[in-house]
N, C-alpha and C. Protein backbone atom coordinates (compact mmCIF):
# COMPACT_ATOMS: atom_id res chain seq x y z
N MET A 1 0.86 -1.19 0.00
CA MET A 1 0.00 0.00 0.00
C MET A 1 0.89 1.24 0.00
N LEU A 2 0.52 2.27 -0.76
CA LEU A 2 1.34 3.47 -0.85
C LEU A 2 1.31 4.25 0.44
N PRO A 3 2.39 4.99 0.75
CA PRO A 3 2.44 5.78 1.97
C PRO A 3 1.34 6.83 2.00
N GLY A 4 1.01 7.28 3.22
CA GLY A 4 -0.05 8.25 3.43
C GLY A 4 0.09 9.52 2.63
N PRO A 5 1.27 10.18 2.60
CA PRO A 5 1.40 11.44 1.88
C PRO A 5 1.05 11.35 0.40
N VAL A 6 1.33 10.18 -0.21
CA VAL A 6 1.01 10.02 -1.62
C VAL A 6 -0.50 9.91 -1.81
N SER A 7 -1.19 9.18 -0.93
CA SER A 7 -2.61 8.94 -1.08
C SER A 7 -3.42 10.21 -0.91
N ARG A 8 -2.85 11.25 -0.29
CA ARG A 8 -3.59 12.49 -0.10
C ARG A 8 -3.53 13.39 -1.33
N ARG A 9 -2.71 13.07 -2.30
CA ARG A 9 -2.62 13.89 -3.48
C ARG A 9 -3.88 13.77 -4.32
N ALA A 10 -4.14 14.81 -5.11
CA ALA A 10 -5.27 14.76 -6.02
C ALA A 10 -5.05 13.67 -7.06
N VAL A 11 -6.15 13.12 -7.55
CA VAL A 11 -6.07 12.13 -8.61
C VAL A 11 -5.79 12.88 -9.92
N PRO A 12 -4.79 12.49 -10.67
CA PRO A 12 -4.47 13.20 -11.91
C PRO A 12 -5.63 13.18 -12.91
N TYR A 13 -5.85 14.30 -13.52
CA TYR A 13 -6.84 14.41 -14.59
C TYR A 13 -6.08 14.31 -15.90
N LEU A 14 -6.19 13.18 -16.57
CA LEU A 14 -5.48 12.98 -17.83
C LEU A 14 -6.32 13.51 -18.98
N TYR A 15 -5.81 14.52 -19.65
CA TYR A 15 -6.55 15.16 -20.73
C TYR A 15 -6.45 14.34 -22.02
N SER A 16 -7.55 14.23 -22.72
CA SER A 16 -7.52 13.67 -24.06
C SER A 16 -7.08 14.76 -25.03
N GLY A 17 -6.71 14.36 -26.24
CA GLY A 17 -6.36 15.34 -27.24
C GLY A 17 -7.51 16.30 -27.53
N GLU A 18 -8.73 15.77 -27.51
CA GLU A 18 -9.91 16.59 -27.76
C GLU A 18 -10.11 17.62 -26.65
N GLU A 19 -9.82 17.23 -25.41
CA GLU A 19 -9.99 18.17 -24.29
C GLU A 19 -8.96 19.29 -24.34
N ILE A 20 -7.73 18.96 -24.72
CA ILE A 20 -6.71 20.00 -24.88
C ILE A 20 -7.11 20.95 -26.00
N ALA A 21 -7.63 20.40 -27.09
CA ALA A 21 -8.11 21.25 -28.19
C ALA A 21 -9.25 22.14 -27.73
N SER A 22 -10.10 21.63 -26.84
CA SER A 22 -11.21 22.43 -26.33
C SER A 22 -10.71 23.58 -25.47
N LEU A 23 -9.66 23.35 -24.70
CA LEU A 23 -9.09 24.42 -23.89
C LEU A 23 -8.49 25.50 -24.78
N ILE A 24 -7.80 25.08 -25.84
CA ILE A 24 -7.21 26.05 -26.76
C ILE A 24 -8.30 26.83 -27.49
N ALA A 25 -9.38 26.14 -27.86
CA ALA A 25 -10.51 26.81 -28.50
C ALA A 25 -11.17 27.80 -27.55
N ALA A 26 -11.27 27.42 -26.28
CA ALA A 26 -11.86 28.33 -25.29
C ALA A 26 -11.03 29.59 -25.14
N ALA A 27 -9.70 29.45 -25.18
CA ALA A 27 -8.83 30.62 -25.12
C ALA A 27 -9.03 31.52 -26.33
N GLY A 28 -9.46 30.94 -27.43
CA GLY A 28 -9.72 31.71 -28.64
C GLY A 28 -10.91 32.64 -28.52
N ARG A 29 -11.69 32.48 -27.44
CA ARG A 29 -12.86 33.33 -27.26
C ARG A 29 -12.57 34.55 -26.38
N PHE A 30 -11.32 34.72 -25.95
CA PHE A 30 -10.97 35.95 -25.25
C PHE A 30 -11.14 37.13 -26.21
N ARG A 31 -11.45 38.28 -25.67
CA ARG A 31 -11.71 39.45 -26.53
C ARG A 31 -10.44 40.00 -27.15
N ASP A 32 -9.36 40.04 -26.39
CA ASP A 32 -8.15 40.66 -26.88
C ASP A 32 -7.32 39.64 -27.69
N PRO A 33 -6.97 39.95 -28.92
CA PRO A 33 -6.22 38.99 -29.75
C PRO A 33 -4.87 38.59 -29.15
N PHE A 34 -4.21 39.53 -28.46
CA PHE A 34 -2.92 39.16 -27.88
C PHE A 34 -3.10 38.20 -26.72
N ARG A 35 -4.16 38.39 -25.94
CA ARG A 35 -4.44 37.44 -24.85
C ARG A 35 -4.77 36.07 -25.42
N VAL A 36 -5.49 36.05 -26.53
CA VAL A 36 -5.76 34.78 -27.21
C VAL A 36 -4.45 34.09 -27.57
N ALA A 37 -3.55 34.83 -28.19
CA ALA A 37 -2.27 34.25 -28.62
C ALA A 37 -1.46 33.78 -27.42
N THR A 38 -1.45 34.57 -26.35
CA THR A 38 -0.69 34.19 -25.16
C THR A 38 -1.18 32.87 -24.60
N TRP A 39 -2.48 32.75 -24.45
CA TRP A 39 -3.00 31.56 -23.80
C TRP A 39 -3.01 30.33 -24.70
N GLN A 40 -3.26 30.52 -25.96
CA GLN A 40 -3.20 29.37 -26.86
C GLN A 40 -1.77 28.84 -26.96
N THR A 41 -0.81 29.75 -26.99
CA THR A 41 0.60 29.32 -27.06
C THR A 41 1.04 28.69 -25.75
N LEU A 42 0.62 29.25 -24.63
CA LEU A 42 1.00 28.71 -23.32
C LEU A 42 0.44 27.31 -23.13
N ILE A 43 -0.82 27.10 -23.43
CA ILE A 43 -1.42 25.77 -23.27
C ILE A 43 -0.74 24.77 -24.20
N GLY A 44 -0.49 25.19 -25.43
CA GLY A 44 0.18 24.30 -26.36
C GLY A 44 1.57 23.92 -25.88
N LEU A 45 2.29 24.89 -25.31
CA LEU A 45 3.64 24.61 -24.82
C LEU A 45 3.61 23.64 -23.64
N LEU A 46 2.71 23.87 -22.70
CA LEU A 46 2.62 22.99 -21.54
C LEU A 46 2.24 21.56 -21.95
N ALA A 47 1.30 21.46 -22.89
CA ALA A 47 0.84 20.14 -23.31
C ALA A 47 1.90 19.39 -24.12
N SER A 48 2.71 20.11 -24.88
CA SER A 48 3.66 19.45 -25.77
C SER A 48 5.03 19.21 -25.14
N THR A 49 5.31 19.85 -23.99
CA THR A 49 6.62 19.69 -23.36
C THR A 49 6.55 19.14 -21.94
N GLY A 50 5.39 19.21 -21.29
CA GLY A 50 5.32 18.77 -19.91
C GLY A 50 6.00 19.70 -18.92
N MET A 51 6.27 20.93 -19.34
CA MET A 51 6.88 21.89 -18.43
C MET A 51 5.93 22.21 -17.27
N ARG A 52 6.51 22.61 -16.15
CA ARG A 52 5.71 23.16 -15.07
C ARG A 52 5.18 24.53 -15.49
N ALA A 53 3.99 24.88 -15.02
CA ALA A 53 3.42 26.19 -15.36
C ALA A 53 4.34 27.31 -14.89
N GLY A 54 4.93 27.13 -13.71
CA GLY A 54 5.83 28.16 -13.19
C GLY A 54 7.07 28.33 -14.05
N GLU A 55 7.54 27.23 -14.65
CA GLU A 55 8.69 27.31 -15.55
C GLU A 55 8.32 28.07 -16.82
N ALA A 56 7.13 27.82 -17.32
CA ALA A 56 6.71 28.47 -18.57
C ALA A 56 6.57 29.97 -18.39
N ILE A 57 5.94 30.40 -17.30
CA ILE A 57 5.77 31.84 -17.11
C ILE A 57 7.08 32.49 -16.67
N GLY A 58 8.05 31.68 -16.26
CA GLY A 58 9.37 32.19 -15.90
C GLY A 58 10.31 32.32 -17.07
N LEU A 59 9.87 31.89 -18.26
CA LEU A 59 10.72 32.00 -19.45
C LEU A 59 10.97 33.46 -19.81
N ASP A 60 12.18 33.73 -20.26
CA ASP A 60 12.51 35.04 -20.82
C ASP A 60 12.54 34.94 -22.34
N ARG A 61 12.44 36.08 -22.99
CA ARG A 61 12.47 36.11 -24.45
C ARG A 61 13.75 35.47 -24.98
N SER A 62 14.84 35.67 -24.28
CA SER A 62 16.13 35.15 -24.74
C SER A 62 16.26 33.64 -24.56
N ASP A 63 15.31 33.00 -23.89
CA ASP A 63 15.40 31.57 -23.65
C ASP A 63 15.05 30.74 -24.87
N LEU A 64 14.41 31.37 -25.88
CA LEU A 64 14.10 30.67 -27.12
C LEU A 64 15.22 30.97 -28.11
N ASP A 65 15.94 29.93 -28.48
CA ASP A 65 17.07 30.08 -29.40
C ASP A 65 16.94 29.02 -30.48
N GLY A 66 16.29 29.39 -31.56
CA GLY A 66 16.05 28.42 -32.62
C GLY A 66 15.17 27.29 -32.12
N GLY A 67 15.66 26.08 -32.20
CA GLY A 67 14.90 24.92 -31.76
C GLY A 67 15.16 24.51 -30.34
N LEU A 68 15.90 25.31 -29.58
CA LEU A 68 16.20 25.00 -28.19
C LEU A 68 15.52 25.99 -27.26
N LEU A 69 14.96 25.46 -26.19
CA LEU A 69 14.32 26.29 -25.17
C LEU A 69 15.03 26.06 -23.85
N THR A 70 15.58 27.11 -23.25
CA THR A 70 16.25 27.00 -21.96
C THR A 70 15.23 27.21 -20.85
N VAL A 71 15.16 26.25 -19.95
CA VAL A 71 14.16 26.26 -18.88
C VAL A 71 14.87 26.33 -17.54
N ARG A 72 14.42 27.26 -16.70
CA ARG A 72 14.95 27.34 -15.34
C ARG A 72 13.98 26.62 -14.41
N GLY A 73 14.47 25.54 -13.83
CA GLY A 73 13.63 24.73 -12.96
C GLY A 73 13.81 25.07 -11.50
N LYS A 74 13.48 24.11 -10.65
CA LYS A 74 13.60 24.31 -9.21
C LYS A 74 15.06 24.43 -8.80
N SER A 75 15.29 25.17 -7.73
CA SER A 75 16.63 25.35 -7.17
C SER A 75 17.60 26.00 -8.16
N GLY A 76 17.06 26.74 -9.12
CA GLY A 76 17.90 27.46 -10.06
C GLY A 76 18.55 26.59 -11.12
N LYS A 77 18.19 25.32 -11.19
CA LYS A 77 18.78 24.44 -12.20
C LYS A 77 18.17 24.73 -13.56
N THR A 78 18.99 24.66 -14.60
CA THR A 78 18.52 24.89 -15.96
C THR A 78 18.65 23.63 -16.80
N ARG A 79 17.83 23.53 -17.81
CA ARG A 79 17.91 22.43 -18.77
C ARG A 79 17.49 22.98 -20.12
N GLN A 80 17.90 22.33 -21.17
CA GLN A 80 17.54 22.75 -22.52
C GLN A 80 16.66 21.69 -23.16
N LEU A 81 15.54 22.13 -23.71
CA LEU A 81 14.60 21.23 -24.36
C LEU A 81 14.65 21.45 -25.87
N PRO A 82 15.04 20.44 -26.64
CA PRO A 82 14.96 20.55 -28.10
C PRO A 82 13.51 20.37 -28.54
N LEU A 83 13.00 21.30 -29.29
CA LEU A 83 11.58 21.30 -29.65
C LEU A 83 11.36 20.81 -31.07
N HIS A 84 10.20 20.19 -31.30
CA HIS A 84 9.80 19.82 -32.64
C HIS A 84 9.42 21.07 -33.42
N ASP A 85 9.45 20.96 -34.75
CA ASP A 85 9.17 22.11 -35.60
C ASP A 85 7.84 22.80 -35.32
N PRO A 86 6.73 22.06 -35.11
CA PRO A 86 5.46 22.76 -34.84
C PRO A 86 5.53 23.63 -33.59
N ALA A 87 6.21 23.14 -32.54
CA ALA A 87 6.34 23.93 -31.32
C ALA A 87 7.21 25.16 -31.56
N VAL A 88 8.29 24.97 -32.32
CA VAL A 88 9.16 26.11 -32.63
C VAL A 88 8.40 27.17 -33.41
N HIS A 89 7.64 26.75 -34.41
CA HIS A 89 6.89 27.70 -35.22
C HIS A 89 5.85 28.44 -34.38
N ALA A 90 5.18 27.72 -33.47
CA ALA A 90 4.19 28.36 -32.61
C ALA A 90 4.83 29.40 -31.69
N LEU A 91 5.97 29.04 -31.11
CA LEU A 91 6.66 29.98 -30.21
C LEU A 91 7.21 31.17 -30.97
N GLU A 92 7.76 30.92 -32.15
CA GLU A 92 8.29 32.03 -32.93
C GLU A 92 7.17 32.97 -33.41
N GLY A 93 6.01 32.39 -33.73
CA GLY A 93 4.88 33.22 -34.12
C GLY A 93 4.43 34.11 -32.97
N TYR A 94 4.36 33.53 -31.77
CA TYR A 94 3.99 34.33 -30.61
C TYR A 94 5.06 35.37 -30.31
N ALA A 95 6.32 34.98 -30.44
CA ALA A 95 7.42 35.91 -30.16
C ALA A 95 7.33 37.14 -31.06
N SER A 96 6.91 36.96 -32.31
CA SER A 96 6.77 38.10 -33.22
C SER A 96 5.72 39.07 -32.71
N LEU A 97 4.59 38.53 -32.21
CA LEU A 97 3.55 39.39 -31.65
C LEU A 97 4.04 40.08 -30.38
N ARG A 98 4.73 39.31 -29.56
CA ARG A 98 5.24 39.85 -28.30
C ARG A 98 6.27 40.95 -28.55
N ASP A 99 7.14 40.74 -29.54
CA ASP A 99 8.20 41.71 -29.82
C ASP A 99 7.65 43.01 -30.39
N ALA A 100 6.45 42.96 -30.94
CA ALA A 100 5.85 44.17 -31.52
C ALA A 100 5.23 45.07 -30.47
N ARG A 101 5.17 44.59 -29.23
CA ARG A 101 4.57 45.38 -28.16
C ARG A 101 5.65 46.23 -27.48
N PRO A 102 5.23 47.35 -26.88
CA PRO A 102 6.21 48.23 -26.23
C PRO A 102 6.59 47.73 -24.84
N ALA A 103 7.01 46.48 -24.77
CA ALA A 103 7.27 45.86 -23.46
C ALA A 103 8.70 46.13 -23.00
N GLN A 104 8.83 46.36 -21.71
CA GLN A 104 10.14 46.48 -21.09
C GLN A 104 10.53 45.20 -20.37
N SER A 105 9.55 44.35 -20.12
CA SER A 105 9.81 43.11 -19.40
C SER A 105 10.57 42.13 -20.29
N PRO A 106 11.52 41.38 -19.71
CA PRO A 106 12.22 40.35 -20.49
C PRO A 106 11.40 39.08 -20.65
N ALA A 107 10.24 39.01 -20.00
CA ALA A 107 9.43 37.79 -20.00
C ALA A 107 9.02 37.40 -21.41
N PHE A 108 8.97 36.10 -21.64
CA PHE A 108 8.49 35.61 -22.94
C PHE A 108 6.98 35.78 -23.04
N PHE A 109 6.26 35.25 -22.06
CA PHE A 109 4.80 35.39 -22.05
C PHE A 109 4.44 36.67 -21.30
N LEU A 110 3.65 37.51 -21.97
CA LEU A 110 3.30 38.80 -21.40
C LEU A 110 1.81 38.91 -21.10
N SER A 111 1.49 39.66 -20.06
CA SER A 111 0.11 40.01 -19.77
C SER A 111 -0.31 41.16 -20.67
N LEU A 112 -1.56 41.57 -20.59
CA LEU A 112 -2.02 42.71 -21.38
C LEU A 112 -1.37 44.01 -20.92
N ARG A 113 -0.79 44.00 -19.73
CA ARG A 113 -0.05 45.16 -19.24
C ARG A 113 1.42 45.07 -19.61
N ASP A 114 1.76 44.11 -20.42
CA ASP A 114 3.15 43.90 -20.87
C ASP A 114 4.09 43.60 -19.72
N THR A 115 3.58 42.86 -18.75
CA THR A 115 4.38 42.39 -17.63
C THR A 115 4.37 40.87 -17.63
N ARG A 116 5.24 40.27 -16.84
CA ARG A 116 5.27 38.81 -16.73
C ARG A 116 3.96 38.32 -16.13
N LEU A 117 3.46 37.20 -16.64
CA LEU A 117 2.26 36.61 -16.08
C LEU A 117 2.47 36.24 -14.62
N ARG A 118 1.46 36.44 -13.81
CA ARG A 118 1.53 36.10 -12.39
C ARG A 118 0.97 34.71 -12.16
N TYR A 119 1.63 33.98 -11.30
CA TYR A 119 1.30 32.57 -11.06
C TYR A 119 -0.16 32.39 -10.65
N LYS A 120 -0.62 33.17 -9.70
CA LYS A 120 -1.99 32.98 -9.22
C LYS A 120 -3.01 33.35 -10.29
N ASN A 121 -2.69 34.34 -11.12
CA ASN A 121 -3.60 34.72 -12.19
C ASN A 121 -3.67 33.65 -13.28
N VAL A 122 -2.54 33.00 -13.53
CA VAL A 122 -2.51 31.92 -14.51
C VAL A 122 -3.44 30.79 -14.09
N HIS A 123 -3.38 30.43 -12.82
CA HIS A 123 -4.26 29.36 -12.33
C HIS A 123 -5.72 29.77 -12.40
N ALA A 124 -6.01 31.03 -12.05
CA ALA A 124 -7.39 31.51 -12.10
C ALA A 124 -7.92 31.51 -13.53
N THR A 125 -7.10 31.96 -14.48
CA THR A 125 -7.53 31.98 -15.87
C THR A 125 -7.71 30.56 -16.41
N PHE A 126 -6.84 29.65 -16.01
CA PHE A 126 -6.99 28.27 -16.47
C PHE A 126 -8.30 27.68 -15.96
N ARG A 127 -8.67 27.98 -14.73
CA ARG A 127 -9.96 27.49 -14.21
C ARG A 127 -11.11 28.06 -15.04
N GLU A 128 -10.98 29.30 -15.45
CA GLU A 128 -11.99 29.91 -16.32
C GLU A 128 -12.09 29.18 -17.65
N LEU A 129 -10.95 28.83 -18.21
CA LEU A 129 -10.94 28.11 -19.49
C LEU A 129 -11.53 26.71 -19.35
N VAL A 130 -11.27 26.08 -18.22
CA VAL A 130 -11.85 24.75 -17.97
C VAL A 130 -13.37 24.83 -18.01
N GLN A 131 -13.93 25.87 -17.40
CA GLN A 131 -15.38 26.04 -17.40
C GLN A 131 -15.89 26.33 -18.81
N LYS A 132 -15.20 27.21 -19.54
CA LYS A 132 -15.61 27.54 -20.90
C LYS A 132 -15.54 26.33 -21.82
N ALA A 133 -14.55 25.47 -21.58
CA ALA A 133 -14.39 24.27 -22.40
C ALA A 133 -15.37 23.17 -22.02
N GLY A 134 -16.08 23.35 -20.92
CA GLY A 134 -17.07 22.36 -20.48
C GLY A 134 -16.47 21.11 -19.87
N LEU A 135 -15.25 21.22 -19.34
CA LEU A 135 -14.62 20.06 -18.70
C LEU A 135 -15.15 19.91 -17.28
N GLU A 136 -15.53 18.71 -16.93
CA GLU A 136 -16.11 18.43 -15.63
C GLU A 136 -15.19 17.53 -14.81
N PRO A 137 -15.22 17.68 -13.47
CA PRO A 137 -14.45 16.76 -12.63
C PRO A 137 -14.90 15.33 -12.86
N ARG A 138 -13.95 14.41 -12.79
CA ARG A 138 -14.30 13.00 -12.94
C ARG A 138 -14.65 12.38 -11.60
N SER A 139 -14.26 13.05 -10.54
CA SER A 139 -14.61 12.66 -9.17
C SER A 139 -14.26 13.85 -8.29
N PRO A 140 -14.66 13.86 -7.01
CA PRO A 140 -14.29 14.98 -6.14
C PRO A 140 -12.78 15.17 -6.05
N ALA A 141 -12.01 14.10 -6.24
CA ALA A 141 -10.55 14.19 -6.13
C ALA A 141 -9.87 14.35 -7.48
N CYS A 142 -10.63 14.28 -8.56
CA CYS A 142 -10.05 14.33 -9.90
C CYS A 142 -10.66 15.49 -10.67
N ARG A 143 -10.02 16.64 -10.54
CA ARG A 143 -10.49 17.86 -11.20
C ARG A 143 -9.43 18.36 -12.16
N PRO A 144 -9.84 18.91 -13.30
CA PRO A 144 -8.85 19.39 -14.27
C PRO A 144 -8.04 20.57 -13.74
N ARG A 145 -6.74 20.38 -13.65
CA ARG A 145 -5.82 21.42 -13.17
C ARG A 145 -4.77 21.67 -14.25
N ILE A 146 -4.15 22.82 -14.18
CA ILE A 146 -3.13 23.14 -15.17
C ILE A 146 -1.94 22.18 -15.04
N HIS A 147 -1.62 21.75 -13.82
CA HIS A 147 -0.49 20.84 -13.62
C HIS A 147 -0.73 19.48 -14.28
N ASP A 148 -1.99 19.13 -14.50
CA ASP A 148 -2.28 17.84 -15.10
C ASP A 148 -1.92 17.79 -16.59
N LEU A 149 -1.65 18.93 -17.21
CA LEU A 149 -1.09 18.90 -18.56
C LEU A 149 0.29 18.25 -18.52
N ARG A 150 1.04 18.52 -17.48
CA ARG A 150 2.36 17.91 -17.28
C ARG A 150 2.22 16.41 -17.04
N HIS A 151 1.26 16.06 -16.22
CA HIS A 151 1.05 14.65 -15.93
C HIS A 151 0.61 13.91 -17.21
N THR A 152 -0.26 14.54 -17.99
CA THR A 152 -0.72 13.92 -19.23
C THR A 152 0.42 13.70 -20.20
N PHE A 153 1.29 14.69 -20.34
CA PHE A 153 2.46 14.55 -21.21
C PHE A 153 3.30 13.35 -20.78
N THR A 154 3.55 13.23 -19.48
CA THR A 154 4.39 12.16 -18.96
C THR A 154 3.77 10.79 -19.21
N VAL A 155 2.49 10.66 -18.91
CA VAL A 155 1.81 9.38 -19.08
C VAL A 155 1.76 8.99 -20.55
N ASN A 156 1.52 9.96 -21.42
CA ASN A 156 1.48 9.65 -22.86
C ASN A 156 2.84 9.15 -23.35
N ALA A 157 3.90 9.79 -22.88
CA ALA A 157 5.25 9.37 -23.28
C ALA A 157 5.52 7.95 -22.81
N VAL A 158 5.22 7.68 -21.55
CA VAL A 158 5.50 6.36 -20.98
C VAL A 158 4.63 5.29 -21.65
N THR A 159 3.40 5.63 -21.97
CA THR A 159 2.50 4.68 -22.63
C THR A 159 3.07 4.27 -23.99
N ARG A 160 3.60 5.24 -24.74
CA ARG A 160 4.20 4.92 -26.04
C ARG A 160 5.40 4.00 -25.86
N TRP A 161 6.22 4.31 -24.87
CA TRP A 161 7.43 3.50 -24.65
C TRP A 161 7.08 2.12 -24.12
N GLN A 162 6.02 2.04 -23.32
CA GLN A 162 5.59 0.74 -22.79
C GLN A 162 5.20 -0.19 -23.94
N ALA A 163 4.55 0.37 -24.95
CA ALA A 163 4.15 -0.45 -26.10
C ALA A 163 5.37 -1.00 -26.84
N GLY A 164 6.48 -0.24 -26.81
CA GLY A 164 7.68 -0.69 -27.48
C GLY A 164 8.66 -1.40 -26.57
N GLY A 165 8.30 -1.52 -25.28
CA GLY A 165 9.15 -2.22 -24.33
C GLY A 165 10.44 -1.49 -23.99
N THR A 166 10.44 -0.15 -24.08
CA THR A 166 11.68 0.60 -23.84
C THR A 166 11.58 1.55 -22.65
N VAL A 167 10.63 1.33 -21.75
CA VAL A 167 10.41 2.26 -20.65
C VAL A 167 11.62 2.38 -19.74
N THR A 168 12.14 1.25 -19.28
CA THR A 168 13.24 1.28 -18.31
C THR A 168 14.45 2.04 -18.85
N ALA A 169 14.79 1.79 -20.11
CA ALA A 169 15.96 2.43 -20.69
C ALA A 169 15.77 3.92 -20.89
N ARG A 170 14.53 4.36 -21.14
CA ARG A 170 14.29 5.75 -21.49
C ARG A 170 13.83 6.58 -20.30
N LEU A 171 13.54 5.96 -19.17
CA LEU A 171 13.03 6.70 -18.03
C LEU A 171 14.00 7.77 -17.53
N PRO A 172 15.33 7.51 -17.47
CA PRO A 172 16.25 8.58 -17.04
C PRO A 172 16.19 9.80 -17.94
N SER A 173 16.03 9.59 -19.24
CA SER A 173 15.92 10.72 -20.16
C SER A 173 14.64 11.50 -19.91
N LEU A 174 13.55 10.80 -19.63
CA LEU A 174 12.29 11.47 -19.33
C LEU A 174 12.41 12.30 -18.05
N SER A 175 13.06 11.73 -17.03
CA SER A 175 13.24 12.45 -15.78
C SER A 175 14.05 13.73 -15.99
N ALA A 176 15.11 13.64 -16.81
CA ALA A 176 15.92 14.81 -17.10
C ALA A 176 15.10 15.85 -17.86
N TRP A 177 14.28 15.40 -18.81
CA TRP A 177 13.44 16.30 -19.58
C TRP A 177 12.48 17.06 -18.66
N LEU A 178 11.90 16.35 -17.69
CA LEU A 178 10.94 16.96 -16.77
C LEU A 178 11.60 17.82 -15.71
N GLY A 179 12.93 17.73 -15.59
CA GLY A 179 13.61 18.50 -14.57
C GLY A 179 13.61 17.84 -13.21
N HIS A 180 13.41 16.51 -13.19
CA HIS A 180 13.46 15.76 -11.94
C HIS A 180 14.90 15.43 -11.58
N ALA A 181 15.16 15.33 -10.29
CA ALA A 181 16.52 15.04 -9.83
C ALA A 181 16.96 13.63 -10.22
N SER A 182 16.01 12.70 -10.28
CA SER A 182 16.34 11.31 -10.61
C SER A 182 15.07 10.62 -11.08
N PRO A 183 15.18 9.43 -11.69
CA PRO A 183 13.98 8.69 -12.09
C PRO A 183 13.04 8.41 -10.93
N ALA A 184 13.57 8.29 -9.72
CA ALA A 184 12.70 8.03 -8.57
C ALA A 184 11.70 9.16 -8.36
N SER A 185 12.06 10.38 -8.76
CA SER A 185 11.15 11.51 -8.61
C SER A 185 9.98 11.43 -9.57
N THR A 186 10.09 10.59 -10.58
CA THR A 186 9.02 10.42 -11.56
C THR A 186 8.03 9.35 -11.10
N HIS A 187 8.29 8.75 -9.96
CA HIS A 187 7.50 7.61 -9.48
C HIS A 187 6.02 7.94 -9.38
N TRP A 188 5.70 9.15 -8.92
CA TRP A 188 4.29 9.51 -8.73
C TRP A 188 3.52 9.44 -10.03
N TYR A 189 4.12 9.85 -11.12
CA TYR A 189 3.42 9.84 -12.40
C TYR A 189 3.10 8.41 -12.85
N LEU A 190 3.89 7.47 -12.41
CA LEU A 190 3.69 6.08 -12.82
C LEU A 190 2.69 5.37 -11.92
N THR A 191 2.86 5.47 -10.61
CA THR A 191 2.01 4.73 -9.69
C THR A 191 0.63 5.32 -9.55
N ALA A 192 0.45 6.60 -9.91
CA ALA A 192 -0.86 7.24 -9.76
C ALA A 192 -1.77 7.00 -10.95
N THR A 193 -1.29 6.25 -11.94
CA THR A 193 -2.04 6.08 -13.18
C THR A 193 -2.42 4.62 -13.38
N PRO A 194 -3.71 4.27 -13.17
CA PRO A 194 -4.13 2.88 -13.31
C PRO A 194 -3.83 2.30 -14.69
N GLU A 195 -3.74 3.19 -15.71
CA GLU A 195 -3.49 2.69 -17.06
C GLU A 195 -2.09 2.12 -17.23
N LEU A 196 -1.23 2.34 -16.26
CA LEU A 196 0.15 1.88 -16.38
C LEU A 196 0.50 0.90 -15.26
N PRO A 197 -0.20 -0.20 -15.12
CA PRO A 197 0.04 -1.10 -14.00
C PRO A 197 1.42 -1.70 -13.98
N ALA A 198 1.99 -1.96 -15.14
CA ALA A 198 3.30 -2.62 -15.18
C ALA A 198 4.40 -1.71 -14.67
N LEU A 199 4.20 -0.42 -14.77
CA LEU A 199 5.25 0.50 -14.39
C LEU A 199 5.40 0.61 -12.88
N ALA A 200 4.36 0.31 -12.16
CA ALA A 200 4.45 0.38 -10.71
C ALA A 200 5.43 -0.65 -10.18
N ALA A 201 5.73 -1.65 -10.99
CA ALA A 201 6.66 -2.70 -10.59
C ALA A 201 8.05 -2.48 -11.18
N ALA A 202 8.35 -1.25 -11.56
CA ALA A 202 9.62 -0.97 -12.23
C ALA A 202 10.79 -0.89 -11.27
N GLY A 203 10.52 -1.05 -9.96
CA GLY A 203 11.60 -1.04 -9.00
C GLY A 203 12.00 0.34 -8.54
N LEU A 204 11.16 1.35 -8.78
CA LEU A 204 11.47 2.71 -8.37
C LEU A 204 10.85 2.98 -7.01
N GLU A 205 11.60 3.64 -6.17
CA GLU A 205 11.09 4.00 -4.86
C GLU A 205 10.64 5.45 -4.89
N PRO A 206 9.43 5.79 -4.38
CA PRO A 206 8.97 7.17 -4.38
C PRO A 206 9.77 8.03 -3.44
N GLN A 207 9.97 9.29 -3.80
CA GLN A 207 10.60 10.26 -2.92
C GLN A 207 9.52 11.06 -2.22
N GLU A 208 9.69 11.29 -0.93
CA GLU A 208 8.72 12.07 -0.19
C GLU A 208 8.75 13.51 -0.68
N ASP A 209 7.58 14.10 -0.80
CA ASP A 209 7.47 15.47 -1.27
C ASP A 209 6.31 16.10 -0.51
N SER A 210 6.57 17.16 0.22
CA SER A 210 5.57 17.72 1.10
C SER A 210 4.56 18.57 0.37
N GLU A 211 4.83 18.95 -0.85
CA GLU A 211 3.89 19.77 -1.60
C GLU A 211 3.58 19.09 -2.92
N GLU A 212 2.41 19.47 -3.48
CA GLU A 212 1.95 18.87 -4.73
C GLU A 212 2.17 19.84 -5.87
N GLY A 213 1.81 19.40 -7.09
CA GLY A 213 1.77 20.30 -8.23
C GLY A 213 3.13 20.77 -8.66
N GLU A 214 3.45 22.07 -8.43
CA GLU A 214 4.64 22.65 -9.00
C GLU A 214 5.93 22.03 -8.45
N ARG A 215 5.90 21.37 -7.31
CA ARG A 215 7.10 20.74 -6.79
C ARG A 215 7.53 19.57 -7.66
N ARG A 216 6.61 19.02 -8.43
CA ARG A 216 6.97 17.94 -9.34
C ARG A 216 6.86 18.42 -10.78
């Protein structure tokens, strides 16, 4: 049986491709075109890279360098994510809009006031988009959260590798991509997902973590 601290965590809400598209479509209904671009690009980035929301809003304009994105994670550690062409094109398109604004902030993602997005406002806006997209909780403990885009990315990656029998060999690379200290830190994503029963037996020990969401 899993330890108590793990069992108290929220049940991950795994988004389908259609649900992610619904969130992006909901962002398209904002009145201001720049806000539309900001949120559609942000959701697309989180869904396609598994970045933490705090990492995404912490990006600076200079962090996008061609097909590489420099991400500052927890404890000041940085990592570079090589992006696929569609992600690069989406970010470069947004960057063109962002660069045309009279912004003094170095932030990549800008608010309508041309300042860096605030963490609490990002969560509030995402909850608004969830309502507009018509997404409903699957249970009292399983509600759509912005952090679950990260969880969905991780589970989708592992599911593909499980089909090819390459999970164990590729797990360290996934942990590095996510900014985890070690594969053991990825344990929660595996054991919390009933769709991945075989992975719970991968021999990984969970690391205790006193906070949820952005800490992982």
